[in-house]
Amino acid sequence: TAVELGMPISANIYMIGGLVKLLSLVEVLDEDSTDKIIRELLPSRAID
C-alpha cells in the first residue's frame, strides 16, 4: 500500500495504523484522541 501511494518508506506508518485500530477495539486506546496525536507527531513533509 505504501508503494501504491508513492511513499514506500512509510510502511511503518501503515503498521502503526493497524496497531491503533487493534488497541482501540480492545479499549486500550481512544481512537479519536490517538488520531489527533498521530497527526501532531508525523513529519510535516508528505503529511497528507
ModelCIF file with pLDDT and N, C-alpha, C, O atoms, coordinates in Angstrom:
data_MODEL
#
_entry.id   MODEL 
#
_entity.id                         1 
_entity.type                       polymer 
_entity.pdbx_number_of_molecules   1 
#
_entity_poly.entity_id                      1 
_entity_poly.type                           'polypeptide(L)' 
_entity_poly.nstd_linkage                   no 
_entity_poly.nstd_monomer                   no 
_entity_poly.pdbx_seq_one_letter_code       TAVELGMPISANIYMIGGLVKLLSLVEVLDEDSTDKIIRELLPSRAID 
_entity_poly.pdbx_seq_one_letter_code_can   TAVELGMPISANIYMIGGLVKLLSLVEVLDEDSTDKIIRELLPSRAID 
_entity_poly.pdbx_strand_id                 A 
#
loop_
_entity_poly_seq.entity_id 
_entity_poly_seq.num 
_entity_poly_seq.mon_id 
_entity_poly_seq.hetero 
1 1  THR n 
1 2  ALA n 
1 3  VAL n 
1 4  GLU n 
1 5  LEU n 
1 6  GLY n 
1 7  MET n 
1 8  PRO n 
1 9  ILE n 
1 10 SER n 
1 11 ALA n 
1 12 ASN n 
1 13 ILE n 
1 14 TYR n 
1 15 MET n 
1 16 ILE n 
1 17 GLY n 
1 18 GLY n 
1 19 LEU n 
1 20 VAL n 
1 21 LYS n 
1 22 LEU n 
1 23 LEU n 
1 24 SER n 
1 25 LEU n 
1 26 VAL n 
1 27 GLU n 
1 28 VAL n 
1 29 LEU n 
1 30 ASP n 
1 31 GLU n 
1 32 ASP n 
1 33 SER n 
1 34 THR n 
1 35 ASP n 
1 36 LYS n 
1 37 ILE n 
1 38 ILE n 
1 39 ARG n 
1 40 GLU n 
1 41 LEU n 
1 42 LEU n 
1 43 PRO n 
1 44 SER n 
1 45 ARG n 
1 46 ALA n 
1 47 ILE n 
1 48 ASP n 
#
_struct_asym.id          A 
_struct_asym.entity_id   1 
#
loop_
_ma_qa_metric.id 
_ma_qa_metric.mode 
_ma_qa_metric.name 
_ma_qa_metric.software_group_id 
_ma_qa_metric.type 
1 global pLDDT . pLDDT 
2 local  pLDDT . pLDDT 
#
_ma_qa_metric_global.metric_id      1 
_ma_qa_metric_global.metric_value   95.92 
_ma_qa_metric_global.model_id       1 
_ma_qa_metric_global.ordinal_id     1 
#
loop_
_ma_qa_metric_local.label_asym_id 
_ma_qa_metric_local.label_comp_id 
_ma_qa_metric_local.label_seq_id 
_ma_qa_metric_local.metric_id 
_ma_qa_metric_local.metric_value 
_ma_qa_metric_local.model_id 
_ma_qa_metric_local.ordinal_id 
A THR 1  2 98.00 1 1  
A ALA 2  2 97.00 1 2  
A VAL 3  2 97.00 1 3  
A GLU 4  2 97.00 1 4  
A LEU 5  2 96.00 1 5  
A GLY 6  2 95.00 1 6  
A MET 7  2 95.00 1 7  
A PRO 8  2 94.00 1 8  
A ILE 9  2 93.00 1 9  
A SER 10 2 96.00 1 10 
A ALA 11 2 97.00 1 11 
A ASN 12 2 96.00 1 12 
A ILE 13 2 97.00 1 13 
A TYR 14 2 98.00 1 14 
A MET 15 2 98.00 1 15 
A ILE 16 2 98.00 1 16 
A GLY 17 2 98.00 1 17 
A GLY 18 2 98.00 1 18 
A LEU 19 2 98.00 1 19 
A VAL 20 2 98.00 1 20 
A LYS 21 2 98.00 1 21 
A LEU 22 2 98.00 1 22 
A LEU 23 2 97.00 1 23 
A SER 24 2 97.00 1 24 
A LEU 25 2 97.00 1 25 
A VAL 26 2 96.00 1 26 
A GLU 27 2 95.00 1 27 
A VAL 28 2 96.00 1 28 
A LEU 29 2 96.00 1 29 
A ASP 30 2 96.00 1 30 
A GLU 31 2 97.00 1 31 
A ASP 32 2 97.00 1 32 
A SER 33 2 96.00 1 33 
A THR 34 2 97.00 1 34 
A ASP 35 2 97.00 1 35 
A LYS 36 2 97.00 1 36 
A ILE 37 2 97.00 1 37 
A ILE 38 2 97.00 1 38 
A ARG 39 2 96.00 1 39 
A GLU 40 2 95.00 1 40 
A LEU 41 2 95.00 1 41 
A LEU 42 2 94.00 1 42 
A PRO 43 2 89.00 1 43 
A SER 44 2 89.00 1 44 
A ARG 45 2 88.00 1 45 
A ALA 46 2 92.00 1 46 
A ILE 47 2 95.00 1 47 
A ASP 48 2 96.00 1 48 
#
loop_
_atom_site.group_PDB 
_atom_site.id 
_atom_site.type_symbol 
_atom_site.label_atom_id 
_atom_site.label_alt_id 
_atom_site.label_comp_id 
_atom_site.label_asym_id 
_atom_site.label_entity_id 
_atom_site.label_seq_id 
_atom_site.pdbx_PDB_ins_code 
_atom_site.Cartn_x 
_atom_site.Cartn_y 
_atom_site.Cartn_z 
_atom_site.occupancy 
_atom_site.B_iso_or_equiv 
_atom_site.pdbx_formal_charge 
_atom_site.auth_seq_id 
_atom_site.auth_comp_id 
_atom_site.auth_asym_id 
_atom_site.auth_atom_id 
_atom_site.pdbx_PDB_model_num 
ATOM 1   N N  . THR A 1 1  ? 0.833   -1.208 0.000  1.00 98.00 ? 1  THR A N  1 
ATOM 2   C CA . THR A 1 1  ? 0.000   0.000  0.000  1.00 98.00 ? 1  THR A CA 1 
ATOM 3   C C  . THR A 1 1  ? 0.863   1.252  0.000  1.00 98.00 ? 1  THR A C  1 
ATOM 4   O O  . THR A 1 1  ? 0.563   2.214  -0.707 1.00 98.00 ? 1  THR A O  1 
ATOM 5   N N  . ALA A 1 2  ? 1.941   1.247  0.793  1.00 97.00 ? 2  ALA A N  1 
ATOM 6   C CA . ALA A 1 2  ? 2.830   2.413  0.840  1.00 97.00 ? 2  ALA A CA 1 
ATOM 7   C C  . ALA A 1 2  ? 3.439   2.690  -0.533 1.00 97.00 ? 2  ALA A C  1 
ATOM 8   O O  . ALA A 1 2  ? 3.562   3.846  -0.939 1.00 97.00 ? 2  ALA A O  1 
ATOM 9   N N  . VAL A 1 3  ? 3.819   1.630  -1.247 1.00 97.00 ? 3  VAL A N  1 
ATOM 10  C CA . VAL A 1 3  ? 4.361   1.797  -2.597 1.00 97.00 ? 3  VAL A CA 1 
ATOM 11  C C  . VAL A 1 3  ? 3.286   2.349  -3.534 1.00 97.00 ? 3  VAL A C  1 
ATOM 12  O O  . VAL A 1 3  ? 3.546   3.265  -4.315 1.00 97.00 ? 3  VAL A O  1 
ATOM 13  N N  . GLU A 1 4  ? 2.083   1.788  -3.452 1.00 97.00 ? 4  GLU A N  1 
ATOM 14  C CA . GLU A 1 4  ? 0.993   2.254  -4.319 1.00 97.00 ? 4  GLU A CA 1 
ATOM 15  C C  . GLU A 1 4  ? 0.673   3.733  -4.096 1.00 97.00 ? 4  GLU A C  1 
ATOM 16  O O  . GLU A 1 4  ? 0.266   4.431  -5.024 1.00 97.00 ? 4  GLU A O  1 
ATOM 17  N N  . LEU A 1 5  ? 0.858   4.205  -2.860 1.00 96.00 ? 5  LEU A N  1 
ATOM 18  C CA . LEU A 1 5  ? 0.561   5.601  -2.547 1.00 96.00 ? 5  LEU A CA 1 
ATOM 19  C C  . LEU A 1 5  ? 1.782   6.515  -2.690 1.00 96.00 ? 5  LEU A C  1 
ATOM 20  O O  . LEU A 1 5  ? 1.735   7.696  -2.345 1.00 96.00 ? 5  LEU A O  1 
ATOM 21  N N  . GLY A 1 6  ? 2.874   5.945  -3.204 1.00 95.00 ? 6  GLY A N  1 
ATOM 22  C CA . GLY A 1 6  ? 4.037   6.756  -3.522 1.00 95.00 ? 6  GLY A CA 1 
ATOM 23  C C  . GLY A 1 6  ? 4.973   7.047  -2.366 1.00 95.00 ? 6  GLY A C  1 
ATOM 24  O O  . GLY A 1 6  ? 5.842   7.911  -2.481 1.00 95.00 ? 6  GLY A O  1 
ATOM 25  N N  . MET A 1 7  ? 4.813   6.334  -1.240 1.00 95.00 ? 7  MET A N  1 
ATOM 26  C CA . MET A 1 7  ? 5.679   6.542  -0.075 1.00 95.00 ? 7  MET A CA 1 
ATOM 27  C C  . MET A 1 7  ? 6.165   5.189  0.443  1.00 95.00 ? 7  MET A C  1 
ATOM 28  O O  . MET A 1 7  ? 5.734   4.761  1.514  1.00 95.00 ? 7  MET A O  1 
ATOM 29  N N  . PRO A 1 8  ? 7.055   4.502  -0.290 1.00 94.00 ? 8  PRO A N  1 
ATOM 30  C CA . PRO A 1 8  ? 7.466   3.148  0.109  1.00 94.00 ? 8  PRO A CA 1 
ATOM 31  C C  . PRO A 1 8  ? 8.109   3.072  1.485  1.00 94.00 ? 8  PRO A C  1 
ATOM 32  O O  . PRO A 1 8  ? 8.084   2.011  2.107  1.00 94.00 ? 8  PRO A O  1 
ATOM 33  N N  . ILE A 1 9  ? 8.689   4.172  1.983  1.00 93.00 ? 9  ILE A N  1 
ATOM 34  C CA . ILE A 1 9  ? 9.333   4.139  3.303  1.00 93.00 ? 9  ILE A CA 1 
ATOM 35  C C  . ILE A 1 9  ? 8.318   4.259  4.439  1.00 93.00 ? 9  ILE A C  1 
ATOM 36  O O  . ILE A 1 9  ? 8.695   4.218  5.610  1.00 93.00 ? 9  ILE A O  1 
ATOM 37  N N  . SER A 1 10 ? 7.040   4.407  4.108  1.00 96.00 ? 10 SER A N  1 
ATOM 38  C CA . SER A 1 10 ? 6.032   4.646  5.140  1.00 96.00 ? 10 SER A CA 1 
ATOM 39  C C  . SER A 1 10 ? 5.212   3.411  5.506  1.00 96.00 ? 10 SER A C  1 
ATOM 40  O O  . SER A 1 10 ? 4.113   3.535  6.045  1.00 96.00 ? 10 SER A O  1 
ATOM 41  N N  . ALA A 1 11 ? 5.739   2.221  5.217  1.00 97.00 ? 11 ALA A N  1 
ATOM 42  C CA . ALA A 1 11 ? 5.050   1.006  5.666  1.00 97.00 ? 11 ALA A CA 1 
ATOM 43  C C  . ALA A 1 11 ? 4.917   0.999  7.185  1.00 97.00 ? 11 ALA A C  1 
ATOM 44  O O  . ALA A 1 11 ? 3.960   0.442  7.724  1.00 97.00 ? 11 ALA A O  1 
ATOM 45  N N  . ASN A 1 12 ? 5.876   1.616  7.877  1.00 96.00 ? 12 ASN A N  1 
ATOM 46  C CA . ASN A 1 12 ? 5.798   1.674  9.345  1.00 96.00 ? 12 ASN A CA 1 
ATOM 47  C C  . ASN A 1 12 ? 4.579   2.484  9.804  1.00 96.00 ? 12 ASN A C  1 
ATOM 48  O O  . ASN A 1 12 ? 3.982   2.171  10.833 1.00 96.00 ? 12 ASN A O  1 
ATOM 49  N N  . ILE A 1 13 ? 4.212   3.515  9.051  1.00 97.00 ? 13 ILE A N  1 
ATOM 50  C CA . ILE A 1 13 ? 3.034   4.320  9.387  1.00 97.00 ? 13 ILE A CA 1 
ATOM 51  C C  . ILE A 1 13 ? 1.765   3.492  9.214  1.00 97.00 ? 13 ILE A C  1 
ATOM 52  O O  . ILE A 1 13 ? 0.820   3.615  9.992  1.00 97.00 ? 13 ILE A O  1 
ATOM 53  N N  . TYR A 1 14 ? 1.757   2.654  8.191  1.00 98.00 ? 14 TYR A N  1 
ATOM 54  C CA . TYR A 1 14 ? 0.628   1.740  7.977  1.00 98.00 ? 14 TYR A CA 1 
ATOM 55  C C  . TYR A 1 14 ? 0.480   0.801  9.169  1.00 98.00 ? 14 TYR A C  1 
ATOM 56  O O  . TYR A 1 14 ? -0.630  0.549  9.638  1.00 98.00 ? 14 TYR A O  1 
ATOM 57  N N  . MET A 1 15 ? 1.614   0.285  9.656  1.00 98.00 ? 15 MET A N  1 
ATOM 58  C CA . MET A 1 15 ? 1.578   -0.656 10.766 1.00 98.00 ? 15 MET A CA 1 
ATOM 59  C C  . MET A 1 15 ? 1.111   -0.004 12.056 1.00 98.00 ? 15 MET A C  1 
ATOM 60  O O  . MET A 1 15 ? 0.415   -0.639 12.849 1.00 98.00 ? 15 MET A O  1 
ATOM 61  N N  . ILE A 1 16 ? 1.483   1.264  12.284 1.00 98.00 ? 16 ILE A N  1 
ATOM 62  C CA . ILE A 1 16 ? 1.000   1.941  13.488 1.00 98.00 ? 16 ILE A CA 1 
ATOM 63  C C  . ILE A 1 16 ? -0.511  2.137  13.386 1.00 98.00 ? 16 ILE A C  1 
ATOM 64  O O  . ILE A 1 16 ? -1.212  2.103  14.398 1.00 98.00 ? 16 ILE A O  1 
ATOM 65  N N  . GLY A 1 17 ? -1.016  2.342  12.167 1.00 98.00 ? 17 GLY A N  1 
ATOM 66  C CA . GLY A 1 17 ? -2.458  2.406  11.983 1.00 98.00 ? 17 GLY A CA 1 
ATOM 67  C C  . GLY A 1 17 ? -3.136  1.112  12.382 1.00 98.00 ? 17 GLY A C  1 
ATOM 68  O O  . GLY A 1 17 ? -4.182  1.121  13.032 1.00 98.00 ? 17 GLY A O  1 
ATOM 69  N N  . GLY A 1 18 ? -2.532  -0.010 11.988 1.00 98.00 ? 18 GLY A N  1 
ATOM 70  C CA . GLY A 1 18 ? -3.086  -1.310 12.380 1.00 98.00 ? 18 GLY A CA 1 
ATOM 71  C C  . GLY A 1 18 ? -3.083  -1.492 13.882 1.00 98.00 ? 18 GLY A C  1 
ATOM 72  O O  . GLY A 1 18 ? -4.048  -2.004 14.449 1.00 98.00 ? 18 GLY A O  1 
ATOM 73  N N  . LEU A 1 19 ? -2.003  -1.076 14.535 1.00 98.00 ? 19 LEU A N  1 
ATOM 74  C CA . LEU A 1 19 ? -1.920  -1.204 15.996 1.00 98.00 ? 19 LEU A CA 1 
ATOM 75  C C  . LEU A 1 19 ? -2.959  -0.328 16.683 1.00 98.00 ? 19 LEU A C  1 
ATOM 76  O O  . LEU A 1 19 ? -3.615  -0.774 17.624 1.00 98.00 ? 19 LEU A O  1 
ATOM 77  N N  . VAL A 1 20 ? -3.117  0.901  16.231 1.00 98.00 ? 20 VAL A N  1 
ATOM 78  C CA . VAL A 1 20 ? -4.091  1.806  16.849 1.00 98.00 ? 20 VAL A CA 1 
ATOM 79  C C  . VAL A 1 20 ? -5.501  1.231  16.735 1.00 98.00 ? 20 VAL A C  1 
ATOM 80  O O  . VAL A 1 20 ? -6.279  1.294  17.687 1.00 98.00 ? 20 VAL A O  1 
ATOM 81  N N  . LYS A 1 21 ? -5.827  0.675  15.577 1.00 98.00 ? 21 LYS A N  1 
ATOM 82  C CA . LYS A 1 21 ? -7.162  0.069  15.424 1.00 98.00 ? 21 LYS A CA 1 
ATOM 83  C C  . LYS A 1 21 ? -7.326  -1.109 16.385 1.00 98.00 ? 21 LYS A C  1 
ATOM 84  O O  . LYS A 1 21 ? -8.363  -1.233 17.037 1.00 98.00 ? 21 LYS A O  1 
ATOM 85  N N  . LEU A 1 22 ? -6.317  -1.973 16.477 1.00 98.00 ? 22 LEU A N  1 
ATOM 86  C CA . LEU A 1 22 ? -6.387  -3.104 17.402 1.00 98.00 ? 22 LEU A CA 1 
ATOM 87  C C  . LEU A 1 22 ? -6.600  -2.624 18.828 1.00 98.00 ? 22 LEU A C  1 
ATOM 88  O O  . LEU A 1 22 ? -7.505  -3.101 19.513 1.00 98.00 ? 22 LEU A O  1 
ATOM 89  N N  . LEU A 1 23 ? -5.775  -1.683 19.284 1.00 97.00 ? 23 LEU A N  1 
ATOM 90  C CA . LEU A 1 23 ? -5.839  -1.249 20.677 1.00 97.00 ? 23 LEU A CA 1 
ATOM 91  C C  . LEU A 1 23 ? -7.100  -0.446 20.969 1.00 97.00 ? 23 LEU A C  1 
ATOM 92  O O  . LEU A 1 23 ? -7.547  -0.402 22.115 1.00 97.00 ? 23 LEU A O  1 
ATOM 93  N N  . SER A 1 24 ? -7.670  0.179  19.972 1.00 97.00 ? 24 SER A N  1 
ATOM 94  C CA . SER A 1 24 ? -8.940  0.869  20.201 1.00 97.00 ? 24 SER A CA 1 
ATOM 95  C C  . SER A 1 24 ? -10.093 -0.134 20.299 1.00 97.00 ? 24 SER A C  1 
ATOM 96  O O  . SER A 1 24 ? -11.010 0.054  21.099 1.00 97.00 ? 24 SER A O  1 
ATOM 97  N N  . LEU A 1 25 ? -10.051 -1.188 19.497 1.00 97.00 ? 25 LEU A N  1 
ATOM 98  C CA . LEU A 1 25 ? -11.103 -2.201 19.550 1.00 97.00 ? 25 LEU A CA 1 
ATOM 99  C C  . LEU A 1 25 ? -11.129 -2.938 20.889 1.00 97.00 ? 25 LEU A C  1 
ATOM 100 O O  . LEU A 1 25 ? -12.188 -3.355 21.360 1.00 97.00 ? 25 LEU A O  1 
ATOM 101 N N  . VAL A 1 26 ? -9.959  -3.093 21.492 1.00 96.00 ? 26 VAL A N  1 
ATOM 102 C CA . VAL A 1 26 ? -9.902  -3.778 22.798 1.00 96.00 ? 26 VAL A CA 1 
ATOM 103 C C  . VAL A 1 26 ? -9.937  -2.786 23.953 1.00 96.00 ? 26 VAL A C  1 
ATOM 104 O O  . VAL A 1 26 ? -9.736  -3.153 25.111 1.00 96.00 ? 26 VAL A O  1 
ATOM 105 N N  . GLU A 1 27 ? -10.196 -1.519 23.619 1.00 95.00 ? 27 GLU A N  1 
ATOM 106 C CA . GLU A 1 27 ? -10.429 -0.451 24.597 1.00 95.00 ? 27 GLU A CA 1 
ATOM 107 C C  . GLU A 1 27 ? -9.197  -0.096 25.425 1.00 95.00 ? 27 GLU A C  1 
ATOM 108 O O  . GLU A 1 27 ? -9.312  0.329  26.575 1.00 95.00 ? 27 GLU A O  1 
ATOM 109 N N  . VAL A 1 28 ? -8.014  -0.273 24.828 1.00 96.00 ? 28 VAL A N  1 
ATOM 110 C CA . VAL A 1 28 ? -6.786  0.192  25.466 1.00 96.00 ? 28 VAL A CA 1 
ATOM 111 C C  . VAL A 1 28 ? -6.527  1.653  25.106 1.00 96.00 ? 28 VAL A C  1 
ATOM 112 O O  . VAL A 1 28 ? -6.019  2.417  25.926 1.00 96.00 ? 28 VAL A O  1 
ATOM 113 N N  . LEU A 1 29 ? -6.877  2.040  23.878 1.00 96.00 ? 29 LEU A N  1 
ATOM 114 C CA . LEU A 1 29 ? -6.717  3.414  23.412 1.00 96.00 ? 29 LEU A CA 1 
ATOM 115 C C  . LEU A 1 29 ? -8.044  3.984  22.957 1.00 96.00 ? 29 LEU A C  1 
ATOM 116 O O  . LEU A 1 29 ? -8.938  3.256  22.526 1.00 96.00 ? 29 LEU A O  1 
ATOM 117 N N  . ASP A 1 30 ? -8.159  5.300  23.060 1.00 96.00 ? 30 ASP A N  1 
ATOM 118 C CA . ASP A 1 30 ? -9.274  6.008  22.439 1.00 96.00 ? 30 ASP A CA 1 
ATOM 119 C C  . ASP A 1 30 ? -8.842  6.400  21.026 1.00 96.00 ? 30 ASP A C  1 
ATOM 120 O O  . ASP A 1 30 ? -7.863  7.125  20.852 1.00 96.00 ? 30 ASP A O  1 
ATOM 121 N N  . GLU A 1 31 ? -9.565  5.927  20.030 1.00 97.00 ? 31 GLU A N  1 
ATOM 122 C CA . GLU A 1 31 ? -9.124  6.102  18.649 1.00 97.00 ? 31 GLU A CA 1 
ATOM 123 C C  . GLU A 1 31 ? -9.085  7.568  18.227 1.00 97.00 ? 31 GLU A C  1 
ATOM 124 O O  . GLU A 1 31 ? -8.120  7.991  17.591 1.00 97.00 ? 31 GLU A O  1 
ATOM 125 N N  . ASP A 1 32 ? -10.089 8.339  18.555 1.00 97.00 ? 32 ASP A N  1 
ATOM 126 C CA . ASP A 1 32 ? -10.145 9.731  18.107 1.00 97.00 ? 32 ASP A CA 1 
ATOM 127 C C  . ASP A 1 32 ? -8.991  10.555 18.675 1.00 97.00 ? 32 ASP A C  1 
ATOM 128 O O  . ASP A 1 32 ? -8.341  11.303 17.945 1.00 97.00 ? 32 ASP A O  1 
ATOM 129 N N  . SER A 1 33 ? -8.738  10.418 19.972 1.00 96.00 ? 33 SER A N  1 
ATOM 130 C CA . SER A 1 33 ? -7.650  11.195 20.574 1.00 96.00 ? 33 SER A CA 1 
ATOM 131 C C  . SER A 1 33 ? -6.294  10.704 20.078 1.00 96.00 ? 33 SER A C  1 
ATOM 132 O O  . SER A 1 33 ? -5.360  11.496 19.948 1.00 96.00 ? 33 SER A O  1 
ATOM 133 N N  . THR A 1 34 ? -6.175  9.405  19.800 1.00 97.00 ? 34 THR A N  1 
ATOM 134 C CA . THR A 1 34 ? -4.918  8.874  19.266 1.00 97.00 ? 34 THR A CA 1 
ATOM 135 C C  . THR A 1 34 ? -4.671  9.380  17.855 1.00 97.00 ? 34 THR A C  1 
ATOM 136 O O  . THR A 1 34 ? -3.535  9.688  17.496 1.00 97.00 ? 34 THR A O  1 
ATOM 137 N N  . ASP A 1 35 ? -5.722  9.466  17.054 1.00 97.00 ? 35 ASP A N  1 
ATOM 138 C CA . ASP A 1 35 ? -5.585  10.026 15.698 1.00 97.00 ? 35 ASP A CA 1 
ATOM 139 C C  . ASP A 1 35 ? -5.032  11.448 15.764 1.00 97.00 ? 35 ASP A C  1 
ATOM 140 O O  . ASP A 1 35 ? -4.192  11.831 14.949 1.00 97.00 ? 35 ASP A O  1 
ATOM 141 N N  . LYS A 1 36 ? -5.501  12.219 16.725 1.00 97.00 ? 36 LYS A N  1 
ATOM 142 C CA . LYS A 1 36 ? -5.029  13.588 16.873 1.00 97.00 ? 36 LYS A CA 1 
ATOM 143 C C  . LYS A 1 36 ? -3.548  13.622 17.224 1.00 97.00 ? 36 LYS A C  1 
ATOM 144 O O  . LYS A 1 36 ? -2.799  14.446 16.698 1.00 97.00 ? 36 LYS A O  1 
ATOM 145 N N  . ILE A 1 37 ? -3.127  12.726 18.115 1.00 97.00 ? 37 ILE A N  1 
ATOM 146 C CA . ILE A 1 37 ? -1.714  12.657 18.493 1.00 97.00 ? 37 ILE A CA 1 
ATOM 147 C C  . ILE A 1 37 ? -0.856  12.287 17.282 1.00 97.00 ? 37 ILE A C  1 
ATOM 148 O O  . ILE A 1 37 ? 0.204   12.873 17.062 1.00 97.00 ? 37 ILE A O  1 
ATOM 149 N N  . ILE A 1 38 ? -1.319  11.316 16.502 1.00 97.00 ? 38 ILE A N  1 
ATOM 150 C CA . ILE A 1 38 ? -0.574  10.886 15.311 1.00 97.00 ? 38 ILE A CA 1 
ATOM 151 C C  . ILE A 1 38 ? -0.403  12.059 14.345 1.00 97.00 ? 38 ILE A C  1 
ATOM 152 O O  . ILE A 1 38 ? 0.684   12.261 13.804 1.00 97.00 ? 38 ILE A O  1 
ATOM 153 N N  . ARG A 1 39 ? -1.450  12.820 14.131 1.00 96.00 ? 39 ARG A N  1 
ATOM 154 C CA . ARG A 1 39 ? -1.351  13.982 13.230 1.00 96.00 ? 39 ARG A CA 1 
ATOM 155 C C  . ARG A 1 39 ? -0.295  14.974 13.721 1.00 96.00 ? 39 ARG A C  1 
ATOM 156 O O  . ARG A 1 39 ? 0.412   15.583 12.919 1.00 96.00 ? 39 ARG A O  1 
ATOM 157 N N  . GLU A 1 40 ? -0.194  15.130 15.034 1.00 95.00 ? 40 GLU A N  1 
ATOM 158 C CA . GLU A 1 40 ? 0.781   16.066 15.591 1.00 95.00 ? 40 GLU A CA 1 
ATOM 159 C C  . GLU A 1 40 ? 2.214   15.542 15.497 1.00 95.00 ? 40 GLU A C  1 
ATOM 160 O O  . GLU A 1 40 ? 3.158   16.329 15.430 1.00 95.00 ? 40 GLU A O  1 
ATOM 161 N N  . LEU A 1 41 ? 2.381   14.211 15.492 1.00 95.00 ? 41 LEU A N  1 
ATOM 162 C CA . LEU A 1 41 ? 3.717   13.623 15.545 1.00 95.00 ? 41 LEU A CA 1 
ATOM 163 C C  . LEU A 1 41 ? 4.319   13.310 14.179 1.00 95.00 ? 41 LEU A C  1 
ATOM 164 O O  . LEU A 1 41 ? 5.541   13.242 14.044 1.00 95.00 ? 41 LEU A O  1 
ATOM 165 N N  . LEU A 1 42 ? 3.483   13.119 13.171 1.00 94.00 ? 42 LEU A N  1 
ATOM 166 C CA . LEU A 1 42 ? 4.019   12.800 11.852 1.00 94.00 ? 42 LEU A CA 1 
ATOM 167 C C  . LEU A 1 42 ? 4.753   14.010 11.273 1.00 94.00 ? 42 LEU A C  1 
ATOM 168 O O  . LEU A 1 42 ? 4.331   15.148 11.474 1.00 94.00 ? 42 LEU A O  1 
ATOM 169 N N  . PRO A 1 43 ? 5.847   13.765 10.557 1.00 89.00 ? 43 PRO A N  1 
ATOM 170 C CA . PRO A 1 43 ? 6.572   14.880 9.935  1.00 89.00 ? 43 PRO A CA 1 
ATOM 171 C C  . PRO A 1 43 ? 5.660   15.666 8.988  1.00 89.00 ? 43 PRO A C  1 
ATOM 172 O O  . PRO A 1 43 ? 4.788   15.095 8.333  1.00 89.00 ? 43 PRO A O  1 
ATOM 173 N N  . SER A 1 44 ? 5.873   16.972 8.927  1.00 89.00 ? 44 SER A N  1 
ATOM 174 C CA . SER A 1 44 ? 5.024   17.814 8.075  1.00 89.00 ? 44 SER A CA 1 
ATOM 175 C C  . SER A 1 44 ? 5.202   17.489 6.601  1.00 89.00 ? 44 SER A C  1 
ATOM 176 O O  . SER A 1 44 ? 4.281   17.678 5.806  1.00 89.00 ? 44 SER A O  1 
ATOM 177 N N  . ARG A 1 45 ? 6.382   17.001 6.232  1.00 88.00 ? 45 ARG A N  1 
ATOM 178 C CA . ARG A 1 45 ? 6.616   16.618 4.835  1.00 88.00 ? 45 ARG A CA 1 
ATOM 179 C C  . ARG A 1 45 ? 5.727   15.428 4.473  1.00 88.00 ? 45 ARG A C  1 
ATOM 180 O O  . ARG A 1 45 ? 5.734   14.407 5.161  1.00 88.00 ? 45 ARG A O  1 
ATOM 181 N N  . ALA A 1 46 ? 4.979   15.564 3.407  1.00 92.00 ? 46 ALA A N  1 
ATOM 182 C CA . ALA A 1 46 ? 4.096   14.499 2.911  1.00 92.00 ? 46 ALA A CA 1 
ATOM 183 C C  . ALA A 1 46 ? 3.077   14.066 3.960  1.00 92.00 ? 46 ALA A C  1 
ATOM 184 O O  . ALA A 1 46 ? 2.699   12.895 4.008  1.00 92.00 ? 46 ALA A O  1 
ATOM 185 N N  . ILE A 1 47 ? 2.629   14.999 4.800  1.00 95.00 ? 47 ILE A N  1 
ATOM 186 C CA . ILE A 1 47 ? 1.715   14.655 5.882  1.00 95.00 ? 47 ILE A CA 1 
ATOM 187 C C  . ILE A 1 47 ? 0.414   14.060 5.352  1.00 95.00 ? 47 ILE A C  1 
ATOM 188 O O  . ILE A 1 47 ? -0.105  13.106 5.932  1.00 95.00 ? 47 ILE A O  1 
ATOM 189 N N  . ASP A 1 48 ? -0.118  14.602 4.267  1.00 96.00 ? 48 ASP A N  1 
ATOM 190 C CA . ASP A 1 48 ? -1.399  14.110 3.744  1.00 96.00 ? 48 ASP A CA 1 
ATOM 191 C C  . ASP A 1 48 ? -1.282  12.658 3.282  1.00 96.00 ? 48 ASP A C  1 
ATOM 192 O O  . ASP A 1 48 ? -2.262  12.079 2.813  1.00 96.00 ? 48 ASP A O  1 
#
